[in-house]
């Protein structure tokens, strides 16, 4: 069993790049949660980017995917997962599935992952990719992510991969007591910062986790300039 495992690692052309990314770009940038580092280390990010971009899969940068969207840089994914403080038994809602990479990482950190993508083509591709790679605890939906996902609520954590002007109302309503919302707020002109909201006795406490840059959150409760007619 041990030799088979070692052989599999040796046959993986991306293994060294994956290890280097974790040690250089994550651990050295203060990502220390061992569960998050282990999850990132075991997810083949090269499977979540277009074939022409696979050689860049373990650079710490965002990369283009289909439908003029991007896959977030590994540091951002790791930071948000660590900020969610997951222990393994949670039900998590992710807003913005993209290629499915973030959901795959979350699948290693939580009991159940529900992820919402507004672009049908991306949702379909991510569903097939996640099923092919056997991330069986991930469920993909096509909808307006600013509405949350009432049919699967409540959640222990909600992770939002695009920036809103203010916290969308449905998220608090769909959060368990003690649950966390990780979301960037602000705009390109005023600046964006990552926030963690935690629900205590029906009220949210707010923590500012630092500056980030994200695309705008689109939908009913998204940025006013990006709301659909």
C-alpha atoms as a PDB file:
ATOM      1  CA  UNK A   1       0.000   0.000   0.000  1.00  0.00           C
ATOM      2  CA  UNK A   2       2.788   2.382   0.960  1.00  0.00           C
ATOM      3  CA  UNK A   3       4.822   1.711  -2.184  1.00  0.00           C
ATOM      4  CA  UNK A   4       1.749   2.196  -4.383  1.00  0.00           C
ATOM      5  CA  UNK A   5       1.118   5.571  -2.742  1.00  0.00           C
ATOM      6  CA  UNK A   6       4.739   6.640  -3.220  1.00  0.00           C
ATOM      7  CA  UNK A   7       4.649   5.495  -6.846  1.00  0.00           C
ATOM      8  CA  UNK A   8       1.491   7.529  -7.447  1.00  0.00           C
ATOM      9  CA  UNK A   9       3.188  10.645  -6.070  1.00  0.00           C
ATOM     10  CA  UNK A  10       6.265  10.079  -8.198  1.00  0.00           C
ATOM     11  CA  UNK A  11       4.066   9.711 -11.280  1.00  0.00           C
ATOM     12  CA  UNK A  12       2.394  13.084 -10.622  1.00  0.00           C
ATOM     13  CA  UNK A  13       4.242  15.732 -12.684  1.00  0.00           C
ATOM     14  CA  UNK A  14       2.679  18.514 -10.583  1.00  0.00           C
ATOM     15  CA  UNK A  15       3.549  17.099  -7.147  1.00  0.00           C
ATOM     16  CA  UNK A  16       6.674  19.194  -6.631  1.00  0.00           C
ATOM     17  CA  UNK A  17       4.955  22.364  -7.852  1.00  0.00           C
ATOM     18  CA  UNK A  18       2.037  21.714  -5.492  1.00  0.00           C
ATOM     19  CA  UNK A  19       4.370  21.203  -2.522  1.00  0.00           C
ATOM     20  CA  UNK A  20       6.361  24.330  -3.388  1.00  0.00           C
ATOM     21  CA  UNK A  21       3.194  26.408  -3.659  1.00  0.00           C
ATOM     22  CA  UNK A  22       2.052  25.310  -0.203  1.00  0.00           C
ATOM     23  CA  UNK A  23       5.424  25.960   1.427  1.00  0.00           C
ATOM     24  CA  UNK A  24       6.395  29.166  -0.421  1.00  0.00           C
ATOM     25  CA  UNK A  25       3.152  30.935  -1.213  1.00  0.00           C
ATOM     26  CA  UNK A  26       0.925  29.813   1.663  1.00  0.00           C
ATOM     27  CA  UNK A  27       2.906  28.835   4.740  1.00  0.00           C
ATOM     28  CA  UNK A  28       5.350  31.725   4.314  1.00  0.00           C
ATOM     29  CA  UNK A  29       2.412  34.126   3.975  1.00  0.00           C
ATOM     30  CA  UNK A  30       0.966  33.141   7.361  1.00  0.00           C
ATOM     31  CA  UNK A  31      -1.439  30.403   6.312  1.00  0.00           C
ATOM     32  CA  UNK A  32      -0.829  27.996   9.193  1.00  0.00           C
ATOM     33  CA  UNK A  33      -4.074  26.023   9.558  1.00  0.00           C
ATOM     34  CA  UNK A  34      -2.822  22.446   9.048  1.00  0.00           C
ATOM     35  CA  UNK A  35      -6.151  21.243   7.673  1.00  0.00           C
ATOM     36  CA  UNK A  36      -6.228  24.004   5.066  1.00  0.00           C
ATOM     37  CA  UNK A  37      -2.627  23.342   4.014  1.00  0.00           C
ATOM     38  CA  UNK A  38      -3.327  19.610   3.728  1.00  0.00           C
ATOM     39  CA  UNK A  39      -6.455  20.245   1.660  1.00  0.00           C
ATOM     40  CA  UNK A  40      -4.662  22.571  -0.762  1.00  0.00           C
ATOM     41  CA  UNK A  41      -1.810  20.075  -1.024  1.00  0.00           C
ATOM     42  CA  UNK A  42      -4.103  17.245  -2.152  1.00  0.00           C
ATOM     43  CA  UNK A  43      -6.251  19.139  -4.696  1.00  0.00           C
ATOM     44  CA  UNK A  44      -4.956  18.931  -8.314  1.00  0.00           C
ATOM     45  CA  UNK A  45      -5.407  22.582  -9.306  1.00  0.00           C
ATOM     46  CA  UNK A  46      -4.169  21.742 -12.824  1.00  0.00           C
ATOM     47  CA  UNK A  47      -7.480  19.912 -13.352  1.00  0.00           C
ATOM     48  CA  UNK A  48      -9.438  23.125 -12.716  1.00  0.00           C
ATOM     49  CA  UNK A  49      -7.761  25.376 -15.287  1.00  0.00           C
ATOM     50  CA  UNK A  50      -7.828  25.214 -19.112  1.00  0.00           C
ATOM     51  CA  UNK A  51      -5.238  22.827 -20.633  1.00  0.00           C
ATOM     52  CA  UNK A  52      -3.165  25.720 -21.970  1.00  0.00           C
ATOM     53  CA  UNK A  53      -2.800  27.161 -18.469  1.00  0.00           C
ATOM     54  CA  UNK A  54      -1.846  23.983 -16.610  1.00  0.00           C
ATOM     55  CA  UNK A  55       1.835  24.898 -16.492  1.00  0.00           C
ATOM     56  CA  UNK A  56       0.837  27.989 -14.496  1.00  0.00           C
ATOM     57  CA  UNK A  57      -1.527  26.123 -12.162  1.00  0.00           C
ATOM     58  CA  UNK A  58       0.723  26.439  -9.118  1.00  0.00           C
ATOM     59  CA  UNK A  59       1.745  30.043  -9.577  1.00  0.00           C
ATOM     60  CA  UNK A  60       0.149  32.131  -6.856  1.00  0.00           C
ATOM     61  CA  UNK A  61      -2.082  34.083  -9.200  1.00  0.00           C
ATOM     62  CA  UNK A  62      -5.581  34.104 -10.622  1.00  0.00           C
ATOM     63  CA  UNK A  63      -5.961  32.438 -14.023  1.00  0.00           C
ATOM     64  CA  UNK A  64      -8.586  32.835 -16.761  1.00  0.00           C
ATOM     65  CA  UNK A  65     -11.221  30.127 -17.185  1.00  0.00           C
ATOM     66  CA  UNK A  66     -14.226  29.852 -19.502  1.00  0.00           C
ATOM     67  CA  UNK A  67     -16.937  32.524 -19.834  1.00  0.00           C
ATOM     68  CA  UNK A  68     -14.459  35.367 -19.172  1.00  0.00           C
ATOM     69  CA  UNK A  69     -14.164  34.373 -15.512  1.00  0.00           C
ATOM     70  CA  UNK A  70     -11.139  33.523 -13.367  1.00  0.00           C
ATOM     71  CA  UNK A  71      -9.996  30.949 -10.832  1.00  0.00           C
ATOM     72  CA  UNK A  72      -8.866  32.708  -7.636  1.00  0.00           C
ATOM     73  CA  UNK A  73      -5.214  32.654  -6.634  1.00  0.00           C
ATOM     74  CA  UNK A  74      -4.362  29.824  -4.208  1.00  0.00           C
ATOM     75  CA  UNK A  75      -3.486  32.236  -1.392  1.00  0.00           C
ATOM     76  CA  UNK A  76      -6.944  33.823  -1.545  1.00  0.00           C
ATOM     77  CA  UNK A  77      -8.677  30.427  -1.482  1.00  0.00           C
ATOM     78  CA  UNK A  78      -6.531  29.307   1.456  1.00  0.00           C
ATOM     79  CA  UNK A  79      -7.063  32.596   3.331  1.00  0.00           C
ATOM     80  CA  UNK A  80     -10.857  32.425   3.034  1.00  0.00           C
ATOM     81  CA  UNK A  81     -10.962  28.756   4.021  1.00  0.00           C
ATOM     82  CA  UNK A  82      -8.783  29.430   7.063  1.00  0.00           C
ATOM     83  CA  UNK A  83     -10.919  32.451   8.005  1.00  0.00           C
ATOM     84  CA  UNK A  84     -14.019  30.213   8.005  1.00  0.00           C
ATOM     85  CA  UNK A  85     -12.466  28.183  10.879  1.00  0.00           C
ATOM     86  CA  UNK A  86     -13.828  24.855   9.679  1.00  0.00           C
ATOM     87  CA  UNK A  87     -13.438  21.729  11.804  1.00  0.00           C
ATOM     88  CA  UNK A  88     -14.878  19.102   9.467  1.00  0.00           C
ATOM     89  CA  UNK A  89     -18.538  18.718  10.428  1.00  0.00           C
ATOM     90  CA  UNK A  90     -19.941  21.873   8.837  1.00  0.00           C
ATOM     91  CA  UNK A  91     -22.405  22.486   6.040  1.00  0.00           C
ATOM     92  CA  UNK A  92     -20.871  25.215   3.872  1.00  0.00           C
ATOM     93  CA  UNK A  93     -22.351  27.482   1.217  1.00  0.00           C
ATOM     94  CA  UNK A  94     -19.966  28.842  -1.420  1.00  0.00           C
ATOM     95  CA  UNK A  95     -21.072  31.698  -3.668  1.00  0.00           C
ATOM     96  CA  UNK A  96     -19.290  31.645  -7.041  1.00  0.00           C
ATOM     97  CA  UNK A  97     -18.375  28.119  -8.118  1.00  0.00           C
ATOM     98  CA  UNK A  98     -16.252  29.065 -11.128  1.00  0.00           C
ATOM     99  CA  UNK A  99     -14.224  26.025 -12.157  1.00  0.00           C
ATOM    100  CA  UNK A 100     -14.996  24.232  -8.871  1.00  0.00           C
ATOM    101  CA  UNK A 101     -11.520  24.541  -7.322  1.00  0.00           C
ATOM    102  CA  UNK A 102     -12.649  26.360  -4.176  1.00  0.00           C
ATOM    103  CA  UNK A 103     -15.462  23.856  -3.665  1.00  0.00           C
ATOM    104  CA  UNK A 104     -12.983  20.996  -4.037  1.00  0.00           C
ATOM    105  CA  UNK A 105     -10.782  22.498  -1.320  1.00  0.00           C
ATOM    106  CA  UNK A 106     -13.804  23.034   0.923  1.00  0.00           C
ATOM    107  CA  UNK A 107     -14.862  19.418   0.345  1.00  0.00           C
ATOM    108  CA  UNK A 108     -11.781  18.347   2.309  1.00  0.00           C
ATOM    109  CA  UNK A 109     -12.583  20.721   5.183  1.00  0.00           C
ATOM    110  CA  UNK A 110     -16.345  20.358   5.680  1.00  0.00           C
ATOM    111  CA  UNK A 111     -18.945  17.614   5.781  1.00  0.00           C
ATOM    112  CA  UNK A 112     -21.059  19.070   2.983  1.00  0.00           C
ATOM    113  CA  UNK A 113     -20.518  21.844   0.418  1.00  0.00           C
ATOM    114  CA  UNK A 114     -23.262  23.621  -1.530  1.00  0.00           C
ATOM    115  CA  UNK A 115     -21.943  25.956  -4.211  1.00  0.00           C
ATOM    116  CA  UNK A 116     -23.899  28.407  -6.382  1.00  0.00           C
ATOM    117  CA  UNK A 117     -22.821  29.619  -9.830  1.00  0.00           C
ATOM    118  CA  UNK A 118     -24.807  32.183 -11.837  1.00  0.00           C
ATOM    119  CA  UNK A 119     -23.398  31.123 -15.258  1.00  0.00           C
ATOM    120  CA  UNK A 120     -25.016  27.846 -16.416  1.00  0.00           C
ATOM    121  CA  UNK A 121     -22.065  26.761 -18.597  1.00  0.00           C
ATOM    122  CA  UNK A 122     -19.621  27.078 -15.707  1.00  0.00           C
ATOM    123  CA  UNK A 123     -21.963  25.274 -13.320  1.00  0.00           C
ATOM    124  CA  UNK A 124     -22.341  22.390 -15.768  1.00  0.00           C
ATOM    125  CA  UNK A 125     -18.588  22.113 -16.345  1.00  0.00           C
ATOM    126  CA  UNK A 126     -17.835  22.291 -12.620  1.00  0.00           C
ATOM    127  CA  UNK A 127     -20.420  19.612 -11.856  1.00  0.00           C
ATOM    128  CA  UNK A 128     -18.849  17.214 -14.339  1.00  0.00           C
ATOM    129  CA  UNK A 129     -15.321  17.987 -13.156  1.00  0.00           C
ATOM    130  CA  UNK A 130     -16.142  17.530  -9.462  1.00  0.00           C
ATOM    131  CA  UNK A 131     -17.968  14.281 -10.156  1.00  0.00           C
ATOM    132  CA  UNK A 132     -15.096  12.963 -12.290  1.00  0.00           C
ATOM    133  CA  UNK A 133     -12.635  13.744  -9.517  1.00  0.00           C
ATOM    134  CA  UNK A 134     -14.946  12.109  -6.927  1.00  0.00           C
ATOM    135  CA  UNK A 135     -15.697  15.113  -4.712  1.00  0.00           C
ATOM    136  CA  UNK A 136     -18.991  13.528  -3.772  1.00  0.00           C
ATOM    137  CA  UNK A 137     -19.923  15.867  -0.918  1.00  0.00           C
ATOM    138  CA  UNK A 138     -20.148  18.904  -3.241  1.00  0.00           C
ATOM    139  CA  UNK A 139     -23.507  19.988  -4.710  1.00  0.00           C
ATOM    140  CA  UNK A 140     -23.575  22.579  -7.525  1.00  0.00           C
ATOM    141  CA  UNK A 141     -26.524  24.898  -8.265  1.00  0.00           C
ATOM    142  CA  UNK A 142     -27.196  27.496 -10.963  1.00  0.00           C
ATOM    143  CA  UNK A 143     -28.845  30.583  -9.466  1.00  0.00           C
ATOM    144  CA  UNK A 144     -28.417  34.145  -8.241  1.00  0.00           C
ATOM    145  CA  UNK A 145     -25.851  33.656  -5.500  1.00  0.00           C
ATOM    146  CA  UNK A 146     -26.779  36.898  -3.747  1.00  0.00           C
ATOM    147  CA  UNK A 147     -29.992  35.126  -2.683  1.00  0.00           C
ATOM    148  CA  UNK A 148     -28.039  32.447  -0.849  1.00  0.00           C
ATOM    149  CA  UNK A 149     -29.591  28.980  -1.084  1.00  0.00           C
ATOM    150  CA  UNK A 150     -32.717  28.826   1.043  1.00  0.00           C
ATOM    151  CA  UNK A 151     -33.606  25.251   0.064  1.00  0.00           C
ATOM    152  CA  UNK A 152     -30.393  23.898   1.612  1.00  0.00           C
ATOM    153  CA  UNK A 153     -30.111  26.294   4.582  1.00  0.00           C
ATOM    154  CA  UNK A 154     -29.076  26.720   7.338  1.00  0.00           C
ATOM    155  CA  UNK A 155     -25.285  26.774   6.921  1.00  0.00           C
ATOM    156  CA  UNK A 156     -22.399  26.829   9.359  1.00  0.00           C
ATOM    157  CA  UNK A 157     -20.284  28.930   7.010  1.00  0.00           C
ATOM    158  CA  UNK A 158     -20.899  31.021   3.882  1.00  0.00           C
ATOM    159  CA  UNK A 159     -17.938  31.932   1.671  1.00  0.00           C
ATOM    160  CA  UNK A 160     -18.462  34.574  -1.015  1.00  0.00           C
ATOM    161  CA  UNK A 161     -15.921  34.837  -3.840  1.00  0.00           C
ATOM    162  CA  UNK A 162     -16.947  38.258  -5.207  1.00  0.00           C
ATOM    163  CA  UNK A 163     -17.204  41.684  -3.603  1.00  0.00           C
ATOM    164  CA  UNK A 164     -20.522  43.209  -2.503  1.00  0.00           C
ATOM    165  CA  UNK A 165     -21.155  46.812  -1.511  1.00  0.00           C
ATOM    166  CA  UNK A 166     -22.804  45.581   1.688  1.00  0.00           C
ATOM    167  CA  UNK A 167     -23.625  42.197   3.190  1.00  0.00           C
ATOM    168  CA  UNK A 168     -26.556  40.640   1.255  1.00  0.00           C
ATOM    169  CA  UNK A 169     -29.572  40.253   3.543  1.00  0.00           C
ATOM    170  CA  UNK A 170     -30.308  36.559   2.821  1.00  0.00           C
ATOM    171  CA  UNK A 171     -26.956  35.358   4.152  1.00  0.00           C
ATOM    172  CA  UNK A 172     -27.641  36.145   7.816  1.00  0.00           C
ATOM    173  CA  UNK A 173     -31.078  34.559   7.535  1.00  0.00           C
ATOM    174  CA  UNK A 174     -29.506  31.318   6.267  1.00  0.00           C
ATOM    175  CA  UNK A 175     -26.749  31.086   8.900  1.00  0.00           C
ATOM    176  CA  UNK A 176     -26.686  28.795  11.922  1.00  0.00           C
ATOM    177  CA  UNK A 177     -25.977  30.200  15.371  1.00  0.00           C
ATOM    178  CA  UNK A 178     -22.202  30.543  15.640  1.00  0.00           C
ATOM    179  CA  UNK A 179     -21.869  30.452  11.854  1.00  0.00           C
ATOM    180  CA  UNK A 180     -19.404  32.575   9.869  1.00  0.00           C
ATOM    181  CA  UNK A 181     -19.744  34.598   6.670  1.00  0.00           C
ATOM    182  CA  UNK A 182     -16.496  35.337   4.813  1.00  0.00           C
ATOM    183  CA  UNK A 183     -17.028  38.065   2.229  1.00  0.00           C
ATOM    184  CA  UNK A 184     -15.130  40.942   0.580  1.00  0.00           C
ATOM    185  CA  UNK A 185     -16.964  44.267   0.786  1.00  0.00           C
ATOM    186  CA  UNK A 186     -16.352  47.536  -1.033  1.00  0.00           C
ATOM    187  CA  UNK A 187     -15.710  48.633  -4.597  1.00  0.00           C
ATOM    188  CA  UNK A 188     -12.796  49.130  -6.970  1.00  0.00           C
ATOM    189  CA  UNK A 189     -12.946  52.892  -6.358  1.00  0.00           C
ATOM    190  CA  UNK A 190     -13.287  52.873  -2.550  1.00  0.00           C
ATOM    191  CA  UNK A 191     -11.205  49.728  -1.984  1.00  0.00           C
ATOM    192  CA  UNK A 192     -12.231  46.265  -0.853  1.00  0.00           C
ATOM    193  CA  UNK A 193     -11.622  44.511   2.446  1.00  0.00           C
ATOM    194  CA  UNK A 194     -12.317  40.972   3.589  1.00  0.00           C
ATOM    195  CA  UNK A 195     -14.721  40.597   6.482  1.00  0.00           C
ATOM    196  CA  UNK A 196     -15.730  37.787   8.787  1.00  0.00           C
ATOM    197  CA  UNK A 197     -19.223  38.063  10.249  1.00  0.00           C
ATOM    198  CA  UNK A 198     -20.114  35.685  13.089  1.00  0.00           C
ATOM    199  CA  UNK A 199     -23.671  35.115  14.310  1.00  0.00           C
ATOM    200  CA  UNK A 200     -24.063  35.318  18.106  1.00  0.00           C
ATOM    201  CA  UNK A 201     -27.529  35.350  19.695  1.00  0.00           C
ATOM    202  CA  UNK A 202     -29.119  36.517  16.469  1.00  0.00           C
ATOM    203  CA  UNK A 203     -26.646  39.377  15.928  1.00  0.00           C
ATOM    204  CA  UNK A 204     -23.606  39.580  13.666  1.00  0.00           C
ATOM    205  CA  UNK A 205     -20.196  40.607  14.927  1.00  0.00           C
ATOM    206  CA  UNK A 206     -17.804  41.986  12.309  1.00  0.00           C
ATOM    207  CA  UNK A 207     -14.056  41.546  11.840  1.00  0.00           C
ATOM    208  CA  UNK A 208     -11.954  43.311   9.205  1.00  0.00           C
ATOM    209  CA  UNK A 209      -9.410  40.819   7.820  1.00  0.00           C
ATOM    210  CA  UNK A 210      -7.506  43.106   5.446  1.00  0.00           C
ATOM    211  CA  UNK A 211      -7.420  44.389   1.886  1.00  0.00           C
ATOM    212  CA  UNK A 212      -8.219  42.186  -1.138  1.00  0.00           C
ATOM    213  CA  UNK A 213      -9.327  42.693  -4.741  1.00  0.00           C
ATOM    214  CA  UNK A 214     -12.308  40.804  -6.195  1.00  0.00           C
ATOM    215  CA  UNK A 215     -14.699  41.115  -9.112  1.00  0.00           C
ATOM    216  CA  UNK A 216     -18.113  42.588  -8.210  1.00  0.00           C
ATOM    217  CA  UNK A 217     -20.847  40.327  -6.842  1.00  0.00           C
ATOM    218  CA  UNK A 218     -23.655  40.235  -9.423  1.00  0.00           C
ATOM    219  CA  UNK A 219     -27.312  39.680  -8.565  1.00  0.00           C
ATOM    220  CA  UNK A 220     -30.308  41.114  -6.733  1.00  0.00           C
ATOM    221  CA  UNK A 221     -28.266  41.965  -3.623  1.00  0.00           C
ATOM    222  CA  UNK A 222     -24.994  42.611  -5.461  1.00  0.00           C
ATOM    223  CA  UNK A 223     -23.379  45.878  -6.519  1.00  0.00           C
ATOM    224  CA  UNK A 224     -26.047  48.362  -7.715  1.00  0.00           C
ATOM    225  CA  UNK A 225     -24.228  48.975 -11.017  1.00  0.00           C
ATOM    226  CA  UNK A 226     -24.056  45.243 -11.709  1.00  0.00           C
ATOM    227  CA  UNK A 227     -27.592  44.224 -10.802  1.00  0.00           C
ATOM    228  CA  UNK A 228     -29.548  42.586 -13.639  1.00  0.00           C
ATOM    229  CA  UNK A 229     -32.418  44.577 -15.070  1.00  0.00           C
END
